[in-house]
Structure formats: structure tokens, C-alpha cells
């Protein structure tokens, strides 16, 4: 295959939303245009989100409002993955207590299950997802049902979620209420666990997917678990320091500033003597990371990641061994370090 741009080998983009396409209500700059260009090239888009609070229709409307091409069929949520997981384990029409919003309720109904809001309805399962205004009363009902033997499923385990105001508590933080009160850990449907990737593949029929995300512990680890390529964009949660100190399961195939990189050739990171080079940068490991060069800081980060990951192997780099080079790389100048 003649590969001219990063996107060329792939038939589907499995895109995270928060921190990749938008932050809160606003688009990540350049993201909608990059996605429209992907569609024009014949690449399918699937918006794969751990956020279970909204329905696919509501998410598609939001995406359309910010200029990203989307229909409800293009949206795959952790609520849908959680609903399928429950439906495969319980009888049709069973009562399921929803500690969350309309996204979960709609997904459960689509699988022939009956959403309820109280433990007095004898639910066979409790499904929890993030929702605005999640109340103590509903969390209490969930805890009561789990104590009575109900299956406990979490739509996702994200500890935080990025917004325009900063990182807010995510569903993983909220599930600790029921888990702590009952001593029962939830089965997780969302990234990085397999159910959401399975849902995405069933829905898209993709043969050559590229996972695109902003989090190492969900998006990138999920791609690693599924054995598919991944692109980390630095528009959301993960920082350059997070990347350099990542363990093997959190190391992406590619790293880029934003989605515009999909439509450019991906710079080759190559061996250069005892180091690694990318465009105008060379990185070496001499007990700690050394980086020299100038140009695009992302190229410096790519070289630095290759050198660091080779040096630490299956382990993780210590922050103090790598963070000194980041200021110079960000500035796009030669580093004497």
C-alpha cells in the first residue's frame, strides 16, 4: 500500500470525543475540518465514548452543531456496551436499576430490558454511568440493590472527564460510592475493557481501525488490549510527561498535537547511532533522557519517546529522568541537556 498520510492504511477511525473532538460544548480547534476531510477520503467515523450520560442522537446533534459529520448510527457509547453486557447475562425484560441518565435508559430499552429507579423493583442488575445531578438517593438505591445480589456494571471507570473548565470527577470516581458501601467491584464495560471495543467492531464492521484518543489509560490501553493501532492527540488529558513515563500498555502507535496530523505524512522515527531521530531532533538515553535539535516540538517528543521506551523496556521511566527536556522541546530549540 502506498502510504502518503497517516490515515491512509485505515478504513475506520474509532474516535474518542471529550478531549479529541470537543471540550465541553466547544470543538477542539481544527477537529471538525479534519473529520470532514477524512469522510471525503472514504474513511468511516465511529465516535466511541465512555460518556454514558447522553443518547447517541443527542451526541450526534452536538457533533453536527460544531461542524463534525455525524449521525446517531456513528455514535458508540459505553452505555450501549454496558446494556449489551447486561442483556447477555439476564433474562429478556428484566428490571435493571439505572444510576445514571437517559443514555443508559435508552440503551437498556434497546436491548429489551426494563430500566427502574429503586431497589424495591427487585432489579437483577445495577448499571452506573455519569450524569449531571446524580443524587445521593439514587446512589443509595444502587447500593441497596447490589447488597441484595444485583449484578453491578459500570459504563466506564474514568476517574475524571475533561471539560472547558478543567477536569471534573468521572464515572470511575462516582462508582466508588457503591463499591465502597457494598464491597463489590463493578464489571466495567467501557474503555479500556473489551466490551466497548467489541461493540464498536460489531457496529462498524471495520477491518483496519485506528483508535484516536487523548487518554493513555482508556483510549490507548483499550487499543493495546484489542491489538489495533492508536493515535494519541495532545488536546485533552494526556501530557508529554505522561507519554514519556508510559508503561508498555499505554504507549500509542502515533502521537500528534491534534487531528490535523491525520492528513499529513507521519514523520519517521529512526535509529541514529546510539539514539533516535525524528526530523530535526535526536534523543539519547544516558541514564536519563537527552534531547538535542530544533523544529516542531512534537517531532522532538516522538524521538524522546522512542529513546525512553527503548531504555526502560517493560518498565516505566522516572519523571525526574525525562522532564528536564520537555521545556526545551516545547520551545522548539536546541537543548544542551
C-alpha atoms as a PDB file:
ATOM      1  CA  UNK A   1       0.000   0.000   0.000  1.00  0.00           C
ATOM      2  CA  UNK A   2       1.310   3.460  -0.957  1.00  0.00           C
ATOM      3  CA  UNK A   3       1.056   5.322   2.344  1.00  0.00           C
ATOM      4  CA  UNK A   4       1.247   9.087   1.911  1.00  0.00           C
ATOM      5  CA  UNK A   5      -0.518  10.305   5.048  1.00  0.00           C
ATOM      6  CA  UNK A   6      -1.102   8.848   8.492  1.00  0.00           C
ATOM      7  CA  UNK A   7      -4.728   7.983   7.735  1.00  0.00           C
ATOM      8  CA  UNK A   8      -4.037   6.045   4.504  1.00  0.00           C
ATOM      9  CA  UNK A   9      -3.789   2.482   5.922  1.00  0.00           C
ATOM     10  CA  UNK A  10      -7.057   2.672   7.859  1.00  0.00           C
ATOM     11  CA  UNK A  11     -10.714   2.216   6.917  1.00  0.00           C
ATOM     12  CA  UNK A  12     -12.265   3.472  10.175  1.00  0.00           C
ATOM     13  CA  UNK A  13     -11.402   5.991  12.863  1.00  0.00           C
ATOM     14  CA  UNK A  14     -12.617   4.938  16.322  1.00  0.00           C
ATOM     15  CA  UNK A  15     -12.668   8.391  17.883  1.00  0.00           C
ATOM     16  CA  UNK A  16     -12.927   9.382  21.493  1.00  0.00           C
ATOM     17  CA  UNK A  17     -14.949  12.575  21.970  1.00  0.00           C
ATOM     18  CA  UNK A  18     -14.083  14.522  25.129  1.00  0.00           C
ATOM     19  CA  UNK A  19     -10.621  15.960  24.623  1.00  0.00           C
ATOM     20  CA  UNK A  20     -10.351  14.804  20.997  1.00  0.00           C
ATOM     21  CA  UNK A  21     -13.278  16.296  19.070  1.00  0.00           C
ATOM     22  CA  UNK A  22     -14.638  18.698  21.668  1.00  0.00           C
ATOM     23  CA  UNK A  23     -14.060  20.117  25.131  1.00  0.00           C
ATOM     24  CA  UNK A  24     -17.398  20.674  26.819  1.00  0.00           C
ATOM     25  CA  UNK A  25     -19.673  22.323  24.247  1.00  0.00           C
ATOM     26  CA  UNK A  26     -16.873  23.702  22.068  1.00  0.00           C
ATOM     27  CA  UNK A  27     -14.967  21.996  19.276  1.00  0.00           C
ATOM     28  CA  UNK A  28     -11.269  21.317  19.626  1.00  0.00           C
ATOM     29  CA  UNK A  29      -9.810  23.787  17.088  1.00  0.00           C
ATOM     30  CA  UNK A  30      -9.436  22.146  13.684  1.00  0.00           C
ATOM     31  CA  UNK A  31     -11.073  18.861  14.669  1.00  0.00           C
ATOM     32  CA  UNK A  32     -14.342  19.160  12.669  1.00  0.00           C
ATOM     33  CA  UNK A  33     -12.463  20.069   9.489  1.00  0.00           C
ATOM     34  CA  UNK A  34     -10.061  17.156   9.893  1.00  0.00           C
ATOM     35  CA  UNK A  35     -13.003  14.764  10.316  1.00  0.00           C
ATOM     36  CA  UNK A  36     -14.833  16.135   7.291  1.00  0.00           C
ATOM     37  CA  UNK A  37     -11.670  15.594   5.248  1.00  0.00           C
ATOM     38  CA  UNK A  38     -11.480  12.002   6.485  1.00  0.00           C
ATOM     39  CA  UNK A  39     -15.040  11.310   5.325  1.00  0.00           C
ATOM     40  CA  UNK A  40     -14.222  12.803   1.931  1.00  0.00           C
ATOM     41  CA  UNK A  41     -11.406  10.258   1.647  1.00  0.00           C
ATOM     42  CA  UNK A  42     -13.885   7.427   2.247  1.00  0.00           C
ATOM     43  CA  UNK A  43     -12.881   6.707   5.855  1.00  0.00           C
ATOM     44  CA  UNK A  44     -15.704   5.811   8.213  1.00  0.00           C
ATOM     45  CA  UNK A  45     -16.016   7.654  11.505  1.00  0.00           C
ATOM     46  CA  UNK A  46     -17.208   5.998  14.689  1.00  0.00           C
ATOM     47  CA  UNK A  47     -17.428   8.186  17.780  1.00  0.00           C
ATOM     48  CA  UNK A  48     -16.624   5.855  20.663  1.00  0.00           C
ATOM     49  CA  UNK A  49     -17.214   7.463  24.026  1.00  0.00           C
ATOM     50  CA  UNK A  50     -17.020   6.374  27.647  1.00  0.00           C
ATOM     51  CA  UNK A  51     -19.585   9.064  28.485  1.00  0.00           C
ATOM     52  CA  UNK A  52     -22.879   7.287  29.139  1.00  0.00           C
ATOM     53  CA  UNK A  53     -24.949  10.315  30.074  1.00  0.00           C
ATOM     54  CA  UNK A  54     -26.360  11.202  26.651  1.00  0.00           C
ATOM     55  CA  UNK A  55     -28.100   9.280  23.887  1.00  0.00           C
ATOM     56  CA  UNK A  56     -26.407   8.708  20.510  1.00  0.00           C
ATOM     57  CA  UNK A  57     -28.924  11.126  18.989  1.00  0.00           C
ATOM     58  CA  UNK A  58     -28.019  13.900  21.414  1.00  0.00           C
ATOM     59  CA  UNK A  59     -24.305  13.316  20.849  1.00  0.00           C
ATOM     60  CA  UNK A  60     -24.752  13.344  17.070  1.00  0.00           C
ATOM     61  CA  UNK A  61     -26.687  16.622  17.308  1.00  0.00           C
ATOM     62  CA  UNK A  62     -23.867  18.163  19.339  1.00  0.00           C
ATOM     63  CA  UNK A  63     -21.288  16.970  16.814  1.00  0.00           C
ATOM     64  CA  UNK A  64     -23.305  18.397  13.933  1.00  0.00           C
ATOM     65  CA  UNK A  65     -23.609  21.732  15.737  1.00  0.00           C
ATOM     66  CA  UNK A  66     -19.819  22.075  15.926  1.00  0.00           C
ATOM     67  CA  UNK A  67     -19.385  21.049  12.293  1.00  0.00           C
ATOM     68  CA  UNK A  68     -18.348  17.403  12.648  1.00  0.00           C
ATOM     69  CA  UNK A  69     -20.072  14.875  10.344  1.00  0.00           C
ATOM     70  CA  UNK A  70     -22.211  12.548  12.452  1.00  0.00           C
ATOM     71  CA  UNK A  71     -25.452  10.586  12.608  1.00  0.00           C
ATOM     72  CA  UNK A  72     -26.763   8.633  15.620  1.00  0.00           C
ATOM     73  CA  UNK A  73     -25.567   5.433  13.922  1.00  0.00           C
ATOM     74  CA  UNK A  74     -21.991   6.768  14.027  1.00  0.00           C
ATOM     75  CA  UNK A  75     -22.011   7.018  17.833  1.00  0.00           C
ATOM     76  CA  UNK A  76     -20.975   4.087  20.033  1.00  0.00           C
ATOM     77  CA  UNK A  77     -21.319   4.693  23.766  1.00  0.00           C
ATOM     78  CA  UNK A  78     -20.268   2.861  26.897  1.00  0.00           C
ATOM     79  CA  UNK A  79     -23.975   2.826  27.757  1.00  0.00           C
ATOM     80  CA  UNK A  80     -24.612   0.640  24.698  1.00  0.00           C
ATOM     81  CA  UNK A  81     -21.717  -1.653  25.610  1.00  0.00           C
ATOM     82  CA  UNK A  82     -22.983  -1.908  29.195  1.00  0.00           C
ATOM     83  CA  UNK A  83     -26.520  -2.663  28.019  1.00  0.00           C
ATOM     84  CA  UNK A  84     -25.303  -5.451  25.719  1.00  0.00           C
ATOM     85  CA  UNK A  85     -23.164  -6.872  28.532  1.00  0.00           C
ATOM     86  CA  UNK A  86     -26.174  -6.999  30.873  1.00  0.00           C
ATOM     87  CA  UNK A  87     -28.566  -8.303  28.205  1.00  0.00           C
ATOM     88  CA  UNK A  88     -26.251 -11.249  27.512  1.00  0.00           C
ATOM     89  CA  UNK A  89     -26.385 -12.247  31.201  1.00  0.00           C
ATOM     90  CA  UNK A  90     -30.031 -11.770  32.227  1.00  0.00           C
ATOM     91  CA  UNK A  91     -33.498 -12.726  31.018  1.00  0.00           C
ATOM     92  CA  UNK A  92     -35.275 -10.528  28.419  1.00  0.00           C
ATOM     93  CA  UNK A  93     -37.418  -7.842  30.042  1.00  0.00           C
ATOM     94  CA  UNK A  94     -35.524  -7.988  33.334  1.00  0.00           C
ATOM     95  CA  UNK A  95     -35.520  -4.953  35.621  1.00  0.00           C
ATOM     96  CA  UNK A  96     -32.229  -3.026  35.701  1.00  0.00           C
ATOM     97  CA  UNK A  97     -31.630  -0.189  38.146  1.00  0.00           C
ATOM     98  CA  UNK A  98     -30.067   2.800  36.396  1.00  0.00           C
ATOM     99  CA  UNK A  99     -27.723   5.001  38.396  1.00  0.00           C
ATOM    100  CA  UNK A 100     -27.253   7.475  35.585  1.00  0.00           C
ATOM    101  CA  UNK A 101     -29.027   9.327  32.805  1.00  0.00           C
ATOM    102  CA  UNK A 102     -31.086   8.899  29.649  1.00  0.00           C
ATOM    103  CA  UNK A 103     -28.205   7.412  27.674  1.00  0.00           C
ATOM    104  CA  UNK A 104     -28.233   4.319  29.865  1.00  0.00           C
ATOM    105  CA  UNK A 105     -32.013   4.064  29.969  1.00  0.00           C
ATOM    106  CA  UNK A 106     -32.308   4.258  26.183  1.00  0.00           C
ATOM    107  CA  UNK A 107     -29.571   1.681  25.650  1.00  0.00           C
ATOM    108  CA  UNK A 108     -31.207  -0.775  28.064  1.00  0.00           C
ATOM    109  CA  UNK A 109     -34.603  -0.393  26.405  1.00  0.00           C
ATOM    110  CA  UNK A 110     -32.988  -1.034  23.012  1.00  0.00           C
ATOM    111  CA  UNK A 111     -31.855  -4.417  24.368  1.00  0.00           C
ATOM    112  CA  UNK A 112     -35.313  -5.282  25.685  1.00  0.00           C
ATOM    113  CA  UNK A 113     -34.582  -4.547  29.343  1.00  0.00           C
ATOM    114  CA  UNK A 114     -36.678  -2.536  31.796  1.00  0.00           C
ATOM    115  CA  UNK A 115     -34.934   0.453  33.467  1.00  0.00           C
ATOM    116  CA  UNK A 116     -36.029   1.133  37.066  1.00  0.00           C
ATOM    117  CA  UNK A 117     -35.001   3.630  39.749  1.00  0.00           C
ATOM    118  CA  UNK A 118     -35.495   1.806  43.046  1.00  0.00           C
ATOM    119  CA  UNK A 119     -34.232  -1.362  44.708  1.00  0.00           C
ATOM    120  CA  UNK A 120     -37.847  -2.161  45.633  1.00  0.00           C
ATOM    121  CA  UNK A 121     -38.395  -3.210  41.993  1.00  0.00           C
ATOM    122  CA  UNK A 122     -36.041  -6.176  42.587  1.00  0.00           C
ATOM    123  CA  UNK A 123     -33.579  -5.354  39.786  1.00  0.00           C
ATOM    124  CA  UNK A 124     -31.282  -8.136  38.601  1.00  0.00           C
ATOM    125  CA  UNK A 125     -28.561  -5.640  37.754  1.00  0.00           C
ATOM    126  CA  UNK A 126     -27.379  -2.128  38.578  1.00  0.00           C
ATOM    127  CA  UNK A 127     -25.785  -0.090  35.798  1.00  0.00           C
ATOM    128  CA  UNK A 128     -23.960   3.125  36.691  1.00  0.00           C
ATOM    129  CA  UNK A 129     -22.889   5.949  34.377  1.00  0.00           C
ATOM    130  CA  UNK A 130     -22.069   9.611  34.846  1.00  0.00           C
ATOM    131  CA  UNK A 131     -24.978  12.035  34.771  1.00  0.00           C
ATOM    132  CA  UNK A 132     -25.457  15.680  35.796  1.00  0.00           C
ATOM    133  CA  UNK A 133     -27.102  15.960  39.196  1.00  0.00           C
ATOM    134  CA  UNK A 134     -26.533  12.332  40.176  1.00  0.00           C
ATOM    135  CA  UNK A 135     -28.172  12.153  43.592  1.00  0.00           C
ATOM    136  CA  UNK A 136     -27.360  10.539  46.927  1.00  0.00           C
ATOM    137  CA  UNK A 137     -30.795   8.926  46.828  1.00  0.00           C
ATOM    138  CA  UNK A 138     -30.116   7.135  43.537  1.00  0.00           C
ATOM    139  CA  UNK A 139     -26.665   6.036  44.664  1.00  0.00           C
ATOM    140  CA  UNK A 140     -28.286   4.658  47.809  1.00  0.00           C
ATOM    141  CA  UNK A 141     -30.816   2.665  45.766  1.00  0.00           C
ATOM    142  CA  UNK A 142     -27.971   1.251  43.733  1.00  0.00           C
ATOM    143  CA  UNK A 143     -26.079   0.225  46.858  1.00  0.00           C
ATOM    144  CA  UNK A 144     -29.177  -1.460  48.294  1.00  0.00           C
ATOM    145  CA  UNK A 145     -29.734  -3.435  45.082  1.00  0.00           C
ATOM    146  CA  UNK A 146     -26.107  -4.567  44.873  1.00  0.00           C
ATOM    147  CA  UNK A 147     -26.269  -5.670  48.513  1.00  0.00           C
ATOM    148  CA  UNK A 148     -29.344  -7.723  47.580  1.00  0.00           C
ATOM    149  CA  UNK A 149     -27.306  -9.575  44.919  1.00  0.00           C
ATOM    150  CA  UNK A 150     -27.807  -7.494  41.767  1.00  0.00           C
ATOM    151  CA  UNK A 151     -25.061  -7.602  39.123  1.00  0.00           C
ATOM    152  CA  UNK A 152     -23.032  -4.367  39.312  1.00  0.00           C
ATOM    153  CA  UNK A 153     -21.914  -2.898  35.961  1.00  0.00           C
ATOM    154  CA  UNK A 154     -20.123   0.412  35.376  1.00  0.00           C
ATOM    155  CA  UNK A 155     -20.376   2.067  31.994  1.00  0.00           C
ATOM    156  CA  UNK A 156     -16.768   3.196  32.419  1.00  0.00           C
ATOM    157  CA  UNK A 157     -14.105   3.689  35.065  1.00  0.00           C
ATOM    158  CA  UNK A 158     -12.727   7.112  34.055  1.00  0.00           C
ATOM    159  CA  UNK A 159     -11.656   8.895  37.218  1.00  0.00           C
ATOM    160  CA  UNK A 160     -12.006  12.296  35.523  1.00  0.00           C
ATOM    161  CA  UNK A 161     -13.521  13.828  32.410  1.00  0.00           C
ATOM    162  CA  UNK A 162     -12.137  16.877  30.561  1.00  0.00           C
ATOM    163  CA  UNK A 163     -14.334  19.966  30.127  1.00  0.00           C
ATOM    164  CA  UNK A 164     -13.838  23.554  29.089  1.00  0.00           C
ATOM    165  CA  UNK A 165     -13.467  24.415  32.797  1.00  0.00           C
ATOM    166  CA  UNK A 166     -10.934  21.672  33.530  1.00  0.00           C
ATOM    167  CA  UNK A 167     -11.103  18.045  34.651  1.00  0.00           C
ATOM    168  CA  UNK A 168     -14.212  17.074  36.629  1.00  0.00           C
ATOM    169  CA  UNK A 169     -14.958  13.831  38.521  1.00  0.00           C
ATOM    170  CA  UNK A 170     -15.770  10.998  36.148  1.00  0.00           C
ATOM    171  CA  UNK A 171     -17.844   7.857  36.478  1.00  0.00           C
ATOM    172  CA  UNK A 172     -14.939   5.903  37.940  1.00  0.00           C
ATOM    173  CA  UNK A 173     -14.850   8.314  40.857  1.00  0.00           C
ATOM    174  CA  UNK A 174     -18.616   8.068  41.368  1.00  0.00           C
ATOM    175  CA  UNK A 175     -18.726   4.254  41.246  1.00  0.00           C
ATOM    176  CA  UNK A 176     -16.503   4.214  44.316  1.00  0.00           C
ATOM    177  CA  UNK A 177     -19.544   5.217  46.377  1.00  0.00           C
ATOM    178  CA  UNK A 178     -21.412   1.967  45.671  1.00  0.00           C
ATOM    179  CA  UNK A 179     -18.250  -0.146  45.579  1.00  0.00           C
ATOM    180  CA  UNK A 180     -17.092   1.187  48.959  1.00  0.00           C
ATOM    181  CA  UNK A 181     -20.532   0.829  50.528  1.00  0.00           C
ATOM    182  CA  UNK A 182     -21.034  -2.754  49.334  1.00  0.00           C
ATOM    183  CA  UNK A 183     -17.549  -4.201  48.940  1.00  0.00           C
ATOM    184  CA  UNK A 184     -18.499  -5.217  45.381  1.00  0.00           C
ATOM    185  CA  UNK A 185     -16.393  -4.075  42.443  1.00  0.00           C
ATOM    186  CA  UNK A 186     -18.268  -3.342  39.195  1.00  0.00           C
ATOM    187  CA  UNK A 187     -17.751  -5.069  35.874  1.00  0.00           C
ATOM    188  CA  UNK A 188     -16.563  -2.292  33.557  1.00  0.00           C
ATOM    189  CA  UNK A 189     -17.975  -2.054  30.031  1.00  0.00           C
ATOM    190  CA  UNK A 190     -16.109   0.992  28.749  1.00  0.00           C
ATOM    191  CA  UNK A 191     -12.551   1.620  27.642  1.00  0.00           C
ATOM    192  CA  UNK A 192     -10.036   0.107  28.194  1.00  0.00           C
ATOM    193  CA  UNK A 193     -12.051  -3.070  28.812  1.00  0.00           C
ATOM    194  CA  UNK A 194     -13.069  -5.237  25.824  1.00  0.00           C
ATOM    195  CA  UNK A 195     -16.891  -4.745  25.746  1.00  0.00           C
ATOM    196  CA  UNK A 196     -16.848  -1.236  24.230  1.00  0.00           C
ATOM    197  CA  UNK A 197     -14.289  -2.163  21.564  1.00  0.00           C
ATOM    198  CA  UNK A 198     -16.373  -5.251  20.762  1.00  0.00           C
ATOM    199  CA  UNK A 199     -19.456  -3.045  20.420  1.00  0.00           C
ATOM    200  CA  UNK A 200     -17.552  -0.713  18.082  1.00  0.00           C
ATOM    201  CA  UNK A 201     -16.360  -3.533  15.847  1.00  0.00           C
ATOM    202  CA  UNK A 202     -19.821  -5.116  15.701  1.00  0.00           C
ATOM    203  CA  UNK A 203     -21.338  -1.777  14.730  1.00  0.00           C
ATOM    204  CA  UNK A 204     -18.765  -0.705  12.116  1.00  0.00           C
ATOM    205  CA  UNK A 205     -17.521  -3.958  10.610  1.00  0.00           C
ATOM    206  CA  UNK A 206     -14.087  -2.345  10.447  1.00  0.00           C
ATOM    207  CA  UNK A 207     -11.117  -4.371   9.202  1.00  0.00           C
ATOM    208  CA  UNK A 208      -8.366  -1.760   9.701  1.00  0.00           C
ATOM    209  CA  UNK A 209      -9.376   0.588  12.538  1.00  0.00           C
ATOM    210  CA  UNK A 210      -7.297   3.350  14.100  1.00  0.00           C
ATOM    211  CA  UNK A 211      -8.178   4.262  17.679  1.00  0.00           C
ATOM    212  CA  UNK A 212      -7.821   8.002  18.330  1.00  0.00           C
ATOM    213  CA  UNK A 213      -7.845   9.301  21.896  1.00  0.00           C
ATOM    214  CA  UNK A 214      -6.437  11.694  24.470  1.00  0.00           C
ATOM    215  CA  UNK A 215      -6.095   9.324  27.439  1.00  0.00           C
ATOM    216  CA  UNK A 216      -3.426   6.687  27.901  1.00  0.00           C
ATOM    217  CA  UNK A 217      -5.312   4.642  30.490  1.00  0.00           C
ATOM    218  CA  UNK A 218      -8.510   4.269  28.472  1.00  0.00           C
ATOM    219  CA  UNK A 219      -8.118   5.001  24.746  1.00  0.00           C
ATOM    220  CA  UNK A 220      -4.550   3.796  24.250  1.00  0.00           C
ATOM    221  CA  UNK A 221      -4.736   0.864  26.654  1.00  0.00           C
ATOM    222  CA  UNK A 222      -8.030  -0.124  25.023  1.00  0.00           C
ATOM    223  CA  UNK A 223      -6.331  -0.197  21.609  1.00  0.00           C
ATOM    224  CA  UNK A 224      -3.472  -2.253  23.065  1.00  0.00           C
ATOM    225  CA  UNK A 225      -5.949  -4.709  24.576  1.00  0.00           C
ATOM    226  CA  UNK A 226      -7.655  -5.047  21.194  1.00  0.00           C
ATOM    227  CA  UNK A 227      -4.402  -5.379  19.231  1.00  0.00           C
ATOM    228  CA  UNK A 228      -5.037  -2.375  16.964  1.00  0.00           C
ATOM    229  CA  UNK A 229      -3.086   0.805  16.178  1.00  0.00           C
ATOM    230  CA  UNK A 230      -3.630   4.013  18.130  1.00  0.00           C
ATOM    231  CA  UNK A 231      -3.066   7.757  17.827  1.00  0.00           C
ATOM    232  CA  UNK A 232      -2.677   9.930  20.924  1.00  0.00           C
ATOM    233  CA  UNK A 233      -3.607  13.594  20.436  1.00  0.00           C
ATOM    234  CA  UNK A 234      -2.417  16.149  22.981  1.00  0.00           C
ATOM    235  CA  UNK A 235      -5.658  18.157  23.080  1.00  0.00           C
ATOM    236  CA  UNK A 236      -7.126  16.573  26.197  1.00  0.00           C
ATOM    237  CA  UNK A 237      -5.931  14.774  29.312  1.00  0.00           C
ATOM    238  CA  UNK A 238      -2.537  13.218  28.486  1.00  0.00           C
ATOM    239  CA  UNK A 239       0.572  15.409  28.667  1.00  0.00           C
ATOM    240  CA  UNK A 240       4.040  14.929  27.134  1.00  0.00           C
ATOM    241  CA  UNK A 241       5.304  13.864  30.569  1.00  0.00           C
ATOM    242  CA  UNK A 242       2.556  11.229  30.768  1.00  0.00           C
ATOM    243  CA  UNK A 243       3.643   9.922  27.360  1.00  0.00           C
ATOM    244  CA  UNK A 244       7.327   9.655  28.237  1.00  0.00           C
ATOM    245  CA  UNK A 245       6.609   7.848  31.515  1.00  0.00           C
ATOM    246  CA  UNK A 246       4.016   5.496  29.999  1.00  0.00           C
ATOM    247  CA  UNK A 247       4.210   1.767  30.568  1.00  0.00           C
ATOM    248  CA  UNK A 248       4.001  -0.667  27.631  1.00  0.00           C
ATOM    249  CA  UNK A 249       0.202  -0.926  27.560  1.00  0.00           C
ATOM    250  CA  UNK A 250      -0.132   2.869  27.437  1.00  0.00           C
ATOM    251  CA  UNK A 251       2.245   3.534  24.531  1.00  0.00           C
ATOM    252  CA  UNK A 252       0.476   4.702  21.344  1.00  0.00           C
ATOM    253  CA  UNK A 253       1.483   3.826  17.794  1.00  0.00           C
ATOM    254  CA  UNK A 254       1.471   7.524  16.888  1.00  0.00           C
ATOM    255  CA  UNK A 255       1.461  10.831  18.756  1.00  0.00           C
ATOM    256  CA  UNK A 256       0.315  14.188  17.366  1.00  0.00           C
ATOM    257  CA  UNK A 257      -0.684  17.644  18.501  1.00  0.00           C
ATOM    258  CA  UNK A 258      -4.219  17.287  17.104  1.00  0.00           C
ATOM    259  CA  UNK A 259      -6.362  15.601  14.448  1.00  0.00           C
ATOM    260  CA  UNK A 260      -4.841  17.585  11.585  1.00  0.00           C
ATOM    261  CA  UNK A 261      -1.929  15.108  11.688  1.00  0.00           C
ATOM    262  CA  UNK A 262      -4.214  12.509  10.083  1.00  0.00           C
ATOM    263  CA  UNK A 263      -3.800  14.251   6.746  1.00  0.00           C
ATOM    264  CA  UNK A 264      -0.025  14.678   6.755  1.00  0.00           C
ATOM    265  CA  UNK A 265       2.794  12.164   6.320  1.00  0.00           C
ATOM    266  CA  UNK A 266       3.808  10.790   9.698  1.00  0.00           C
ATOM    267  CA  UNK A 267       7.488  11.615  10.330  1.00  0.00           C
ATOM    268  CA  UNK A 268       9.755   8.616  10.500  1.00  0.00           C
ATOM    269  CA  UNK A 269      11.368   7.980  13.870  1.00  0.00           C
ATOM    270  CA  UNK A 270      14.637   6.250  13.003  1.00  0.00           C
ATOM    271  CA  UNK A 271      17.700   4.834  14.677  1.00  0.00           C
ATOM    272  CA  UNK A 272      20.591   7.320  14.760  1.00  0.00           C
ATOM    273  CA  UNK A 273      23.731   5.777  16.220  1.00  0.00           C
ATOM    274  CA  UNK A 274      23.032   5.194  19.890  1.00  0.00           C
ATOM    275  CA  UNK A 275      19.889   7.330  19.800  1.00  0.00           C
ATOM    276  CA  UNK A 276      16.680   8.018  17.925  1.00  0.00           C
ATOM    277  CA  UNK A 277      15.988  10.827  15.458  1.00  0.00           C
ATOM    278  CA  UNK A 278      12.847  12.487  14.132  1.00  0.00           C
ATOM    279  CA  UNK A 279      13.147  15.380  11.684  1.00  0.00           C
ATOM    280  CA  UNK A 280      15.407  17.950  13.376  1.00  0.00           C
ATOM    281  CA  UNK A 281      15.651  16.217  16.762  1.00  0.00           C
ATOM    282  CA  UNK A 282      17.830  13.473  18.241  1.00  0.00           C
ATOM    283  CA  UNK A 283      17.180  11.775  21.584  1.00  0.00           C
ATOM    284  CA  UNK A 284      19.534   9.570  23.576  1.00  0.00           C
ATOM    285  CA  UNK A 285      19.338   7.800  26.904  1.00  0.00           C
ATOM    286  CA  UNK A 286      22.397   8.287  29.079  1.00  0.00           C
ATOM    287  CA  UNK A 287      20.972   7.246  32.414  1.00  0.00           C
ATOM    288  CA  UNK A 288      18.452   9.994  31.775  1.00  0.00           C
ATOM    289  CA  UNK A 289      16.911  11.446  28.636  1.00  0.00           C
ATOM    290  CA  UNK A 290      18.992  13.786  26.467  1.00  0.00           C
ATOM    291  CA  UNK A 291      17.366  15.682  23.609  1.00  0.00           C
ATOM    292  CA  UNK A 292      19.038  17.920  21.037  1.00  0.00           C
ATOM    293  CA  UNK A 293      17.699  19.696  17.991  1.00  0.00           C
ATOM    294  CA  UNK A 294      15.188  22.227  16.816  1.00  0.00           C
ATOM    295  CA  UNK A 295      11.948  22.455  14.893  1.00  0.00           C
ATOM    296  CA  UNK A 296       8.456  21.120  15.609  1.00  0.00           C
ATOM    297  CA  UNK A 297       8.293  20.185  19.310  1.00  0.00           C
ATOM    298  CA  UNK A 298       6.100  17.176  18.523  1.00  0.00           C
ATOM    299  CA  UNK A 299       8.936  15.693  16.462  1.00  0.00           C
ATOM    300  CA  UNK A 300      11.192  16.116  19.490  1.00  0.00           C
ATOM    301  CA  UNK A 301       8.617  14.342  21.635  1.00  0.00           C
ATOM    302  CA  UNK A 302       8.423  11.454  19.156  1.00  0.00           C
ATOM    303  CA  UNK A 303      12.174  10.966  19.230  1.00  0.00           C
ATOM    304  CA  UNK A 304      12.228  11.312  23.017  1.00  0.00           C
ATOM    305  CA  UNK A 305       9.503   8.679  23.419  1.00  0.00           C
ATOM    306  CA  UNK A 306      11.369   6.187  21.222  1.00  0.00           C
ATOM    307  CA  UNK A 307      14.608   6.628  23.162  1.00  0.00           C
ATOM    308  CA  UNK A 308      12.913   6.472  26.550  1.00  0.00           C
ATOM    309  CA  UNK A 309      10.758   3.442  25.833  1.00  0.00           C
ATOM    310  CA  UNK A 310      13.698   1.504  24.421  1.00  0.00           C
ATOM    311  CA  UNK A 311      15.744   2.289  27.532  1.00  0.00           C
ATOM    312  CA  UNK A 312      13.107   1.292  30.102  1.00  0.00           C
ATOM    313  CA  UNK A 313      11.693  -1.677  28.175  1.00  0.00           C
ATOM    314  CA  UNK A 314       8.774  -3.193  30.051  1.00  0.00           C
ATOM    315  CA  UNK A 315       9.152  -0.697  32.883  1.00  0.00           C
ATOM    316  CA  UNK A 316       8.372   2.995  33.228  1.00  0.00           C
ATOM    317  CA  UNK A 317      10.724   5.960  33.178  1.00  0.00           C
ATOM    318  CA  UNK A 318      11.118   8.021  36.320  1.00  0.00           C
ATOM    319  CA  UNK A 319       9.739  11.545  35.920  1.00  0.00           C
ATOM    320  CA  UNK A 320      12.982  13.151  37.052  1.00  0.00           C
ATOM    321  CA  UNK A 321      14.858  11.333  34.293  1.00  0.00           C
ATOM    322  CA  UNK A 322      12.764  12.831  31.483  1.00  0.00           C
ATOM    323  CA  UNK A 323      11.031  16.031  32.478  1.00  0.00           C
ATOM    324  CA  UNK A 324      14.089  18.296  32.185  1.00  0.00           C
ATOM    325  CA  UNK A 325      13.991  18.049  28.379  1.00  0.00           C
ATOM    326  CA  UNK A 326      10.342  18.983  27.945  1.00  0.00           C
ATOM    327  CA  UNK A 327      10.680  22.761  28.273  1.00  0.00           C
ATOM    328  CA  UNK A 328      13.305  22.909  25.557  1.00  0.00           C
ATOM    329  CA  UNK A 329      11.298  20.634  23.270  1.00  0.00           C
ATOM    330  CA  UNK A 330       8.186  22.760  23.755  1.00  0.00           C
ATOM    331  CA  UNK A 331      10.192  25.841  22.861  1.00  0.00           C
ATOM    332  CA  UNK A 332      11.351  24.166  19.648  1.00  0.00           C
ATOM    333  CA  UNK A 333      15.052  24.958  20.243  1.00  0.00           C
ATOM    334  CA  UNK A 334      18.327  23.140  20.680  1.00  0.00           C
ATOM    335  CA  UNK A 335      18.725  21.599  24.121  1.00  0.00           C
ATOM    336  CA  UNK A 336      22.128  21.464  25.790  1.00  0.00           C
ATOM    337  CA  UNK A 337      20.857  18.947  28.362  1.00  0.00           C
END
